Amino acid sequence: MKNSNSGLFAAIIIVVEIAIAILFYLYVLGNPANFVGNDPANHPLQGNYFGIVYKGGYIVPILISLLMIVITFSIERLITIGRAKGKGNVKTFVQKIKHLIASNNISQAIAECDKQKGSVANVVKAGLVKYSDLAKNSTIEPDKKVVLIQKDIEETTQLEMPMLEKNLVILATIVSIATLLGLLGTVMGMIKAFAALATAGAPDSVGLANGISEALINTALGIGTSALAIIFYNYFTSAIDALTHAIDETSFSIIQNFTAQNKTA
């Protein structure tokens, strides 16, 4: 239910931002004051970039909406991954937990998890709580105890990781789509510019130059949006990999210490 609600929310955000981009294109970029003779059918006023962008054609609002989607979901991922890291530094937390586990101070380690919070702390706490419960149980064989601890850690990890990776597929898709749409808009604009030049009969260098610059607006928007999406996507995947490594490192310490304690016993 939670995943379906988050998916619906993402879909609503995308639709709303497409609508906003279309309105921005029509009424802000397409404002008659941006064009010669107050007519959007004419050339843009010299130096008026709103008018120049408007002349990029109907691919422009799609690219603007993609840019808005990249910014919106990047902010959402920054907040989510920031919460997943918890209140303190993840590396410091992992080292502190490893030290407490090594000294067999499990209750203090659980208390540190409650202070830290976040995805790493949640997974570690699940393993530590299971560790504490099984340590008191002498009826279960040591090997089975290890399996049960691993199972709890894996189940908690499977609950936490989808939350971290959610909506990254949107950024990954925009990386490719934005560039392709930008090129499509440019090609269509170039075709339009040269067709107008051929119809005019006499060469119109100013008209051709304006047509080419308007067509290249799509490429600039497409490449810029794609570059921004790549930067954020790589940053988020690196951050998730770091959190996953912290979970694996701490989980290994829990299992290793539990196994060592049972051997000693």
C-alpha atoms as a PDB file:
ATOM      1  CA  MET A   1       0.000   0.000   0.000  1.00  0.00           C
ATOM      2  CA  LYS A   2       2.815   2.396   0.931  1.00  0.00           C
ATOM      3  CA  ASN A   3       4.661   1.742  -2.363  1.00  0.00           C
ATOM      4  CA  SER A   4       1.476   2.239  -4.411  1.00  0.00           C
ATOM      5  CA  ASN A   5       0.759   5.533  -2.616  1.00  0.00           C
ATOM      6  CA  SER A   6       4.318   6.785  -3.217  1.00  0.00           C
ATOM      7  CA  GLY A   7       4.037   5.749  -6.870  1.00  0.00           C
ATOM      8  CA  LEU A   8       0.760   7.636  -7.212  1.00  0.00           C
ATOM      9  CA  PHE A   9       2.307  10.689  -5.561  1.00  0.00           C
ATOM     10  CA  ALA A  10       5.231  10.587  -8.022  1.00  0.00           C
ATOM     11  CA  ALA A  11       2.810  10.308 -10.968  1.00  0.00           C
ATOM     12  CA  ILE A  12       0.778  13.288  -9.716  1.00  0.00           C
ATOM     13  CA  ILE A  13       3.949  15.367  -9.291  1.00  0.00           C
ATOM     14  CA  ILE A  14       5.039  14.555 -12.866  1.00  0.00           C
ATOM     15  CA  VAL A  15       1.606  15.484 -14.333  1.00  0.00           C
ATOM     16  CA  VAL A  16       1.463  18.727 -12.343  1.00  0.00           C
ATOM     17  CA  GLU A  17       4.964  19.765 -13.417  1.00  0.00           C
ATOM     18  CA  ILE A  18       4.197  19.036 -17.076  1.00  0.00           C
ATOM     19  CA  ALA A  19       1.118  21.288 -16.769  1.00  0.00           C
ATOM     20  CA  ILE A  20       3.199  24.035 -15.099  1.00  0.00           C
ATOM     21  CA  ALA A  21       5.839  23.790 -17.840  1.00  0.00           C
ATOM     22  CA  ILE A  22       3.205  24.142 -20.570  1.00  0.00           C
ATOM     23  CA  LEU A  23       1.689  27.196 -18.877  1.00  0.00           C
ATOM     24  CA  PHE A  24       5.161  28.716 -18.403  1.00  0.00           C
ATOM     25  CA  TYR A  25       5.913  28.120 -22.095  1.00  0.00           C
ATOM     26  CA  LEU A  26       2.654  29.664 -23.316  1.00  0.00           C
ATOM     27  CA  TYR A  27       2.243  32.624 -20.996  1.00  0.00           C
ATOM     28  CA  VAL A  28       5.752  33.555 -19.836  1.00  0.00           C
ATOM     29  CA  LEU A  29       8.029  32.573 -22.712  1.00  0.00           C
ATOM     30  CA  GLY A  30       5.230  33.222 -25.231  1.00  0.00           C
ATOM     31  CA  ASN A  31       4.366  36.636 -23.814  1.00  0.00           C
ATOM     32  CA  PRO A  32       3.774  38.984 -26.828  1.00  0.00           C
ATOM     33  CA  ALA A  33       6.077  41.572 -25.193  1.00  0.00           C
ATOM     34  CA  ASN A  34       9.019  39.260 -25.999  1.00  0.00           C
ATOM     35  CA  PHE A  35       8.541  39.571 -29.786  1.00  0.00           C
ATOM     36  CA  VAL A  36       8.759  42.132 -32.562  1.00  0.00           C
ATOM     37  CA  GLY A  37       5.424  43.892 -32.971  1.00  0.00           C
ATOM     38  CA  ASN A  38       4.045  42.172 -29.869  1.00  0.00           C
ATOM     39  CA  ASP A  39       3.323  39.134 -32.019  1.00  0.00           C
ATOM     40  CA  PRO A  40       4.691  35.679 -31.033  1.00  0.00           C
ATOM     41  CA  ALA A  41       4.643  34.759 -34.735  1.00  0.00           C
ATOM     42  CA  ASN A  42       7.443  37.287 -35.362  1.00  0.00           C
ATOM     43  CA  HIS A  43      11.118  37.053 -34.414  1.00  0.00           C
ATOM     44  CA  PRO A  44      12.052  37.562 -30.747  1.00  0.00           C
ATOM     45  CA  LEU A  45      13.293  40.970 -29.714  1.00  0.00           C
ATOM     46  CA  GLN A  46      17.072  41.214 -29.871  1.00  0.00           C
ATOM     47  CA  GLY A  47      18.593  39.880 -26.662  1.00  0.00           C
ATOM     48  CA  ASN A  48      15.246  38.596 -25.375  1.00  0.00           C
ATOM     49  CA  TYR A  49      16.050  35.042 -24.292  1.00  0.00           C
ATOM     50  CA  PHE A  50      12.482  34.216 -23.273  1.00  0.00           C
ATOM     51  CA  GLY A  51      11.387  34.807 -26.847  1.00  0.00           C
ATOM     52  CA  ILE A  52      14.330  32.824 -28.234  1.00  0.00           C
ATOM     53  CA  VAL A  53      13.528  29.838 -26.004  1.00  0.00           C
ATOM     54  CA  TYR A  54       9.836  30.047 -26.967  1.00  0.00           C
ATOM     55  CA  LYS A  55      10.786  29.761 -30.625  1.00  0.00           C
ATOM     56  CA  GLY A  56      12.403  26.393 -29.876  1.00  0.00           C
ATOM     57  CA  GLY A  57       8.983  24.857 -30.488  1.00  0.00           C
ATOM     58  CA  TYR A  58       6.634  22.521 -28.645  1.00  0.00           C
ATOM     59  CA  ILE A  59       9.511  20.259 -27.508  1.00  0.00           C
ATOM     60  CA  VAL A  60      10.629  23.080 -25.186  1.00  0.00           C
ATOM     61  CA  PRO A  61       7.816  22.693 -22.585  1.00  0.00           C
ATOM     62  CA  ILE A  62       8.521  18.942 -22.433  1.00  0.00           C
ATOM     63  CA  LEU A  63      12.205  19.633 -21.751  1.00  0.00           C
ATOM     64  CA  ILE A  64      11.325  22.275 -19.153  1.00  0.00           C
ATOM     65  CA  SER A  65       9.050  19.766 -17.403  1.00  0.00           C
ATOM     66  CA  LEU A  66      11.874  17.181 -17.413  1.00  0.00           C
ATOM     67  CA  LEU A  67      14.205  19.754 -15.851  1.00  0.00           C
ATOM     68  CA  MET A  68      11.638  20.511 -13.150  1.00  0.00           C
ATOM     69  CA  ILE A  69      11.138  16.788 -12.488  1.00  0.00           C
ATOM     70  CA  VAL A  70      14.911  16.278 -12.108  1.00  0.00           C
ATOM     71  CA  ILE A  71      15.128  19.143  -9.599  1.00  0.00           C
ATOM     72  CA  THR A  72      12.033  18.020  -7.651  1.00  0.00           C
ATOM     73  CA  PHE A  73      13.004  14.362  -7.291  1.00  0.00           C
ATOM     74  CA  SER A  74      16.630  15.254  -6.582  1.00  0.00           C
ATOM     75  CA  ILE A  75      15.510  17.393  -3.642  1.00  0.00           C
ATOM     76  CA  GLU A  76      13.221  14.560  -2.494  1.00  0.00           C
ATOM     77  CA  ARG A  77      16.092  12.035  -2.677  1.00  0.00           C
ATOM     78  CA  LEU A  78      18.449  14.406  -0.843  1.00  0.00           C
ATOM     79  CA  ILE A  79      15.973  14.637   2.035  1.00  0.00           C
ATOM     80  CA  THR A  80      15.293  10.877   2.092  1.00  0.00           C
ATOM     81  CA  ILE A  81      18.947   9.814   1.942  1.00  0.00           C
ATOM     82  CA  GLY A  82      19.827  12.487   4.500  1.00  0.00           C
ATOM     83  CA  ARG A  83      17.283  10.938   6.879  1.00  0.00           C
ATOM     84  CA  ALA A  84      18.601   7.457   6.089  1.00  0.00           C
ATOM     85  CA  LYS A  85      22.081   8.511   7.246  1.00  0.00           C
ATOM     86  CA  GLY A  86      20.653   9.401  10.638  1.00  0.00           C
ATOM     87  CA  LYS A  87      21.658  12.174  13.023  1.00  0.00           C
ATOM     88  CA  GLY A  88      25.416  11.682  13.196  1.00  0.00           C
ATOM     89  CA  ASN A  89      28.260  10.668  10.924  1.00  0.00           C
ATOM     90  CA  VAL A  90      27.683   7.153   9.553  1.00  0.00           C
ATOM     91  CA  LYS A  91      31.372   6.139   9.637  1.00  0.00           C
ATOM     92  CA  THR A  92      31.726   7.273  13.261  1.00  0.00           C
ATOM     93  CA  PHE A  93      28.540   5.396  14.159  1.00  0.00           C
ATOM     94  CA  VAL A  94      29.773   2.191  12.496  1.00  0.00           C
ATOM     95  CA  GLN A  95      33.128   2.358  14.294  1.00  0.00           C
ATOM     96  CA  LYS A  96      31.417   2.979  17.639  1.00  0.00           C
ATOM     97  CA  ILE A  97      29.039   0.031  17.112  1.00  0.00           C
ATOM     98  CA  LYS A  98      31.913  -2.264  16.113  1.00  0.00           C
ATOM     99  CA  HIS A  99      33.812  -1.279  19.260  1.00  0.00           C
ATOM    100  CA  LEU A 100      30.766  -1.904  21.485  1.00  0.00           C
ATOM    101  CA  ILE A 101      30.098  -5.269  19.833  1.00  0.00           C
ATOM    102  CA  ALA A 102      33.737  -6.273  20.264  1.00  0.00           C
ATOM    103  CA  SER A 103      33.470  -5.462  23.977  1.00  0.00           C
ATOM    104  CA  ASN A 104      30.160  -7.379  24.076  1.00  0.00           C
ATOM    105  CA  ASN A 105      28.273  -4.263  25.202  1.00  0.00           C
ATOM    106  CA  ILE A 106      25.135  -5.033  23.190  1.00  0.00           C
ATOM    107  CA  SER A 107      22.681  -2.961  25.235  1.00  0.00           C
ATOM    108  CA  GLN A 108      24.824   0.167  24.765  1.00  0.00           C
ATOM    109  CA  ALA A 109      25.081  -0.587  21.027  1.00  0.00           C
ATOM    110  CA  ILE A 110      21.279  -0.756  20.807  1.00  0.00           C
ATOM    111  CA  ALA A 111      21.062   2.576  22.657  1.00  0.00           C
ATOM    112  CA  GLU A 112      23.471   4.108  20.111  1.00  0.00           C
ATOM    113  CA  CYS A 113      21.204   2.877  17.305  1.00  0.00           C
ATOM    114  CA  ASP A 114      18.254   4.645  18.959  1.00  0.00           C
ATOM    115  CA  LYS A 115      20.294   7.862  19.072  1.00  0.00           C
ATOM    116  CA  GLN A 116      21.542   7.589  15.482  1.00  0.00           C
ATOM    117  CA  LYS A 117      18.273   6.515  13.829  1.00  0.00           C
ATOM    118  CA  GLY A 118      18.214   6.216  10.016  1.00  0.00           C
ATOM    119  CA  SER A 119      18.370   3.142   7.776  1.00  0.00           C
ATOM    120  CA  VAL A 120      21.800   1.899   8.899  1.00  0.00           C
ATOM    121  CA  ALA A 121      20.809   2.178  12.574  1.00  0.00           C
ATOM    122  CA  ASN A 122      17.505   0.380  11.908  1.00  0.00           C
ATOM    123  CA  VAL A 123      19.215  -2.600  10.266  1.00  0.00           C
ATOM    124  CA  VAL A 124      21.948  -2.776  12.913  1.00  0.00           C
ATOM    125  CA  LYS A 125      19.411  -2.519  15.732  1.00  0.00           C
ATOM    126  CA  ALA A 126      17.371  -5.399  14.284  1.00  0.00           C
ATOM    127  CA  GLY A 127      20.499  -7.581  14.255  1.00  0.00           C
ATOM    128  CA  LEU A 128      21.527  -6.529  17.763  1.00  0.00           C
ATOM    129  CA  VAL A 129      18.082  -7.123  19.263  1.00  0.00           C
ATOM    130  CA  LYS A 130      17.989 -10.594  17.733  1.00  0.00           C
ATOM    131  CA  TYR A 131      21.560 -11.140  18.962  1.00  0.00           C
ATOM    132  CA  SER A 132      20.523 -10.162  22.513  1.00  0.00           C
ATOM    133  CA  ASP A 133      17.443 -12.398  22.482  1.00  0.00           C
ATOM    134  CA  LEU A 134      19.246 -15.451  21.124  1.00  0.00           C
ATOM    135  CA  ALA A 135      22.193 -15.055  23.488  1.00  0.00           C
ATOM    136  CA  LYS A 136      19.818 -15.829  26.362  1.00  0.00           C
ATOM    137  CA  ASN A 137      18.317 -18.850  24.590  1.00  0.00           C
ATOM    138  CA  SER A 138      20.244 -22.072  25.223  1.00  0.00           C
ATOM    139  CA  THR A 139      17.791 -24.390  23.447  1.00  0.00           C
ATOM    140  CA  ILE A 140      18.736 -23.288  19.912  1.00  0.00           C
ATOM    141  CA  GLU A 141      21.932 -24.508  18.313  1.00  0.00           C
ATOM    142  CA  PRO A 142      24.624 -21.831  17.677  1.00  0.00           C
ATOM    143  CA  ASP A 143      24.549 -22.336  13.900  1.00  0.00           C
ATOM    144  CA  LYS A 144      20.792 -21.811  13.807  1.00  0.00           C
ATOM    145  CA  LYS A 145      21.169 -18.679  15.918  1.00  0.00           C
ATOM    146  CA  VAL A 146      23.590 -17.228  13.361  1.00  0.00           C
ATOM    147  CA  VAL A 147      21.119 -18.007  10.565  1.00  0.00           C
ATOM    148  CA  LEU A 148      18.291 -16.304  12.486  1.00  0.00           C
ATOM    149  CA  ILE A 149      20.384 -13.173  13.078  1.00  0.00           C
ATOM    150  CA  GLN A 150      21.340 -13.034   9.402  1.00  0.00           C
ATOM    151  CA  LYS A 151      17.691 -13.478   8.424  1.00  0.00           C
ATOM    152  CA  ASP A 152      16.565 -10.555  10.603  1.00  0.00           C
ATOM    153  CA  ILE A 153      19.314  -8.337   9.197  1.00  0.00           C
ATOM    154  CA  GLU A 154      18.452  -9.281   5.595  1.00  0.00           C
ATOM    155  CA  GLU A 155      14.726  -8.730   6.101  1.00  0.00           C
ATOM    156  CA  THR A 156      15.263  -5.295   7.637  1.00  0.00           C
ATOM    157  CA  THR A 157      17.688  -4.394   4.843  1.00  0.00           C
ATOM    158  CA  GLN A 158      15.107  -5.401   2.234  1.00  0.00           C
ATOM    159  CA  LEU A 159      12.610  -3.060   3.887  1.00  0.00           C
ATOM    160  CA  GLU A 160      15.034  -0.126   4.020  1.00  0.00           C
ATOM    161  CA  MET A 161      16.764  -0.332   0.609  1.00  0.00           C
ATOM    162  CA  PRO A 162      13.684   0.164  -1.643  1.00  0.00           C
ATOM    163  CA  MET A 163      13.003   3.432   0.192  1.00  0.00           C
ATOM    164  CA  LEU A 164      16.532   4.630  -0.656  1.00  0.00           C
ATOM    165  CA  GLU A 165      16.381   3.581  -4.325  1.00  0.00           C
ATOM    166  CA  LYS A 166      12.842   4.818  -4.977  1.00  0.00           C
ATOM    167  CA  ASN A 167      12.455   7.348  -7.844  1.00  0.00           C
ATOM    168  CA  LEU A 168      16.071   6.867  -9.002  1.00  0.00           C
ATOM    169  CA  VAL A 169      14.679   5.105 -12.082  1.00  0.00           C
ATOM    170  CA  ILE A 170      12.995   8.409 -13.010  1.00  0.00           C
ATOM    171  CA  LEU A 171      16.345  10.231 -12.994  1.00  0.00           C
ATOM    172  CA  ALA A 172      18.001   7.383 -14.938  1.00  0.00           C
ATOM    173  CA  THR A 173      15.265   7.539 -17.590  1.00  0.00           C
ATOM    174  CA  ILE A 174      15.483  11.319 -17.952  1.00  0.00           C
ATOM    175  CA  VAL A 175      19.244  11.037 -18.583  1.00  0.00           C
ATOM    176  CA  SER A 176      18.505   9.373 -21.926  1.00  0.00           C
ATOM    177  CA  ILE A 177      15.165  10.959 -22.798  1.00  0.00           C
ATOM    178  CA  ALA A 178      16.263  14.585 -22.306  1.00  0.00           C
ATOM    179  CA  THR A 179      19.199  14.283 -24.719  1.00  0.00           C
ATOM    180  CA  LEU A 180      17.120  12.495 -27.372  1.00  0.00           C
ATOM    181  CA  LEU A 181      14.263  15.009 -27.116  1.00  0.00           C
ATOM    182  CA  GLY A 182      16.745  17.868 -27.353  1.00  0.00           C
ATOM    183  CA  LEU A 183      18.213  16.422 -30.557  1.00  0.00           C
ATOM    184  CA  LEU A 184      14.729  15.760 -31.938  1.00  0.00           C
ATOM    185  CA  GLY A 185      13.703  19.353 -31.317  1.00  0.00           C
ATOM    186  CA  THR A 186      16.891  20.611 -32.955  1.00  0.00           C
ATOM    187  CA  VAL A 187      16.469  18.455 -36.042  1.00  0.00           C
ATOM    188  CA  MET A 188      12.839  19.553 -36.437  1.00  0.00           C
ATOM    189  CA  GLY A 189      13.851  23.178 -35.963  1.00  0.00           C
ATOM    190  CA  MET A 190      16.611  22.891 -38.579  1.00  0.00           C
ATOM    191  CA  ILE A 191      14.219  21.308 -41.061  1.00  0.00           C
ATOM    192  CA  LYS A 192      11.780  24.146 -40.448  1.00  0.00           C
ATOM    193  CA  ALA A 193      14.486  26.811 -40.802  1.00  0.00           C
ATOM    194  CA  PHE A 194      15.855  25.467 -44.101  1.00  0.00           C
ATOM    195  CA  ALA A 195      12.359  24.876 -45.463  1.00  0.00           C
ATOM    196  CA  ALA A 196      11.483  28.515 -44.764  1.00  0.00           C
ATOM    197  CA  LEU A 197      14.734  29.618 -46.433  1.00  0.00           C
ATOM    198  CA  ALA A 198      13.970  27.564 -49.533  1.00  0.00           C
ATOM    199  CA  THR A 199      10.429  28.934 -49.747  1.00  0.00           C
ATOM    200  CA  ALA A 200      11.602  32.531 -49.396  1.00  0.00           C
ATOM    201  CA  GLY A 201      13.648  32.306 -52.567  1.00  0.00           C
ATOM    202  CA  ALA A 202      16.275  34.923 -51.703  1.00  0.00           C
ATOM    203  CA  PRO A 203      18.796  34.032 -48.984  1.00  0.00           C
ATOM    204  CA  ASP A 204      17.870  35.514 -45.622  1.00  0.00           C
ATOM    205  CA  SER A 205      20.974  35.251 -43.443  1.00  0.00           C
ATOM    206  CA  VAL A 206      19.289  36.877 -40.428  1.00  0.00           C
ATOM    207  CA  GLY A 207      16.267  34.595 -40.648  1.00  0.00           C
ATOM    208  CA  LEU A 208      18.476  31.530 -41.085  1.00  0.00           C
ATOM    209  CA  ALA A 209      20.677  32.520 -38.136  1.00  0.00           C
ATOM    210  CA  ASN A 210      17.611  33.058 -35.935  1.00  0.00           C
ATOM    211  CA  GLY A 211      16.126  29.749 -37.047  1.00  0.00           C
ATOM    212  CA  ILE A 212      19.327  27.833 -36.244  1.00  0.00           C
ATOM    213  CA  SER A 213      19.731  29.504 -32.843  1.00  0.00           C
ATOM    214  CA  GLU A 214      16.107  28.720 -32.005  1.00  0.00           C
ATOM    215  CA  ALA A 215      16.589  25.102 -33.050  1.00  0.00           C
ATOM    216  CA  LEU A 216      19.721  24.730 -30.917  1.00  0.00           C
ATOM    217  CA  ILE A 217      17.770  25.852 -27.823  1.00  0.00           C
ATOM    218  CA  ASN A 218      16.378  22.304 -27.664  1.00  0.00           C
ATOM    219  CA  THR A 219      19.875  20.796 -27.668  1.00  0.00           C
ATOM    220  CA  ALA A 220      21.015  23.147 -24.893  1.00  0.00           C
ATOM    221  CA  LEU A 221      17.974  22.348 -22.726  1.00  0.00           C
ATOM    222  CA  GLY A 222      18.227  18.621 -23.413  1.00  0.00           C
ATOM    223  CA  ILE A 223      21.950  18.309 -22.687  1.00  0.00           C
ATOM    224  CA  GLY A 224      21.715  20.579 -19.617  1.00  0.00           C
ATOM    225  CA  THR A 225      18.836  18.553 -18.157  1.00  0.00           C
ATOM    226  CA  SER A 226      20.591  15.258 -18.922  1.00  0.00           C
ATOM    227  CA  ALA A 227      23.862  16.451 -17.349  1.00  0.00           C
ATOM    228  CA  LEU A 228      22.054  17.541 -14.171  1.00  0.00           C
ATOM    229  CA  ALA A 229      20.231  14.185 -13.972  1.00  0.00           C
ATOM    230  CA  ILE A 230      23.522  12.264 -14.396  1.00  0.00           C
ATOM    231  CA  ILE A 231      25.227  14.267 -11.628  1.00  0.00           C
ATOM    232  CA  PHE A 232      22.391  13.694  -9.157  1.00  0.00           C
ATOM    233  CA  TYR A 233      21.920  10.037 -10.137  1.00  0.00           C
ATOM    234  CA  ASN A 234      25.610   9.237  -9.623  1.00  0.00           C
ATOM    235  CA  TYR A 235      25.669  11.133  -6.326  1.00  0.00           C
ATOM    236  CA  PHE A 236      22.648   9.236  -5.002  1.00  0.00           C
ATOM    237  CA  THR A 237      23.901   5.807  -6.098  1.00  0.00           C
ATOM    238  CA  SER A 238      27.264   6.532  -4.445  1.00  0.00           C
ATOM    239  CA  ALA A 239      25.513   7.599  -1.228  1.00  0.00           C
ATOM    240  CA  ILE A 240      23.368   4.436  -1.256  1.00  0.00           C
ATOM    241  CA  ASP A 241      26.444   2.274  -1.887  1.00  0.00           C
ATOM    242  CA  ALA A 242      28.142   3.892   1.125  1.00  0.00           C
ATOM    243  CA  LEU A 243      25.113   3.145   3.328  1.00  0.00           C
ATOM    244  CA  THR A 244      24.972  -0.432   2.037  1.00  0.00           C
ATOM    245  CA  HIS A 245      28.670  -0.878   2.814  1.00  0.00           C
ATOM    246  CA  ALA A 246      28.104   0.452   6.348  1.00  0.00           C
ATOM    247  CA  ILE A 247      25.262  -2.046   6.844  1.00  0.00           C
ATOM    248  CA  ASP A 248      27.358  -4.936   5.530  1.00  0.00           C
ATOM    249  CA  GLU A 249      30.371  -3.959   7.643  1.00  0.00           C
ATOM    250  CA  THR A 250      28.377  -3.725  10.864  1.00  0.00           C
ATOM    251  CA  SER A 251      26.346  -6.866  10.133  1.00  0.00           C
ATOM    252  CA  PHE A 252      29.551  -8.814   9.576  1.00  0.00           C
ATOM    253  CA  SER A 253      30.834  -7.616  12.967  1.00  0.00           C
ATOM    254  CA  ILE A 254      27.619  -8.752  14.669  1.00  0.00           C
ATOM    255  CA  ILE A 255      27.768 -12.237  13.106  1.00  0.00           C
ATOM    256  CA  GLN A 256      31.512 -12.573  13.680  1.00  0.00           C
ATOM    257  CA  ASN A 257      31.263 -11.575  17.355  1.00  0.00           C
ATOM    258  CA  PHE A 258      28.258 -13.817  17.987  1.00  0.00           C
ATOM    259  CA  THR A 259      30.065 -16.779  16.423  1.00  0.00           C
ATOM    260  CA  ALA A 260      33.201 -16.069  18.489  1.00  0.00           C
ATOM    261  CA  GLN A 261      31.161 -15.782  21.713  1.00  0.00           C
ATOM    262  CA  ASN A 262      29.464 -19.144  21.076  1.00  0.00           C
ATOM    263  CA  LYS A 263      32.787 -20.840  20.326  1.00  0.00           C
ATOM    264  CA  THR A 264      34.198 -19.510  23.576  1.00  0.00           C
ATOM    265  CA  ALA A 265      31.120 -20.708  25.437  1.00  0.00           C
END
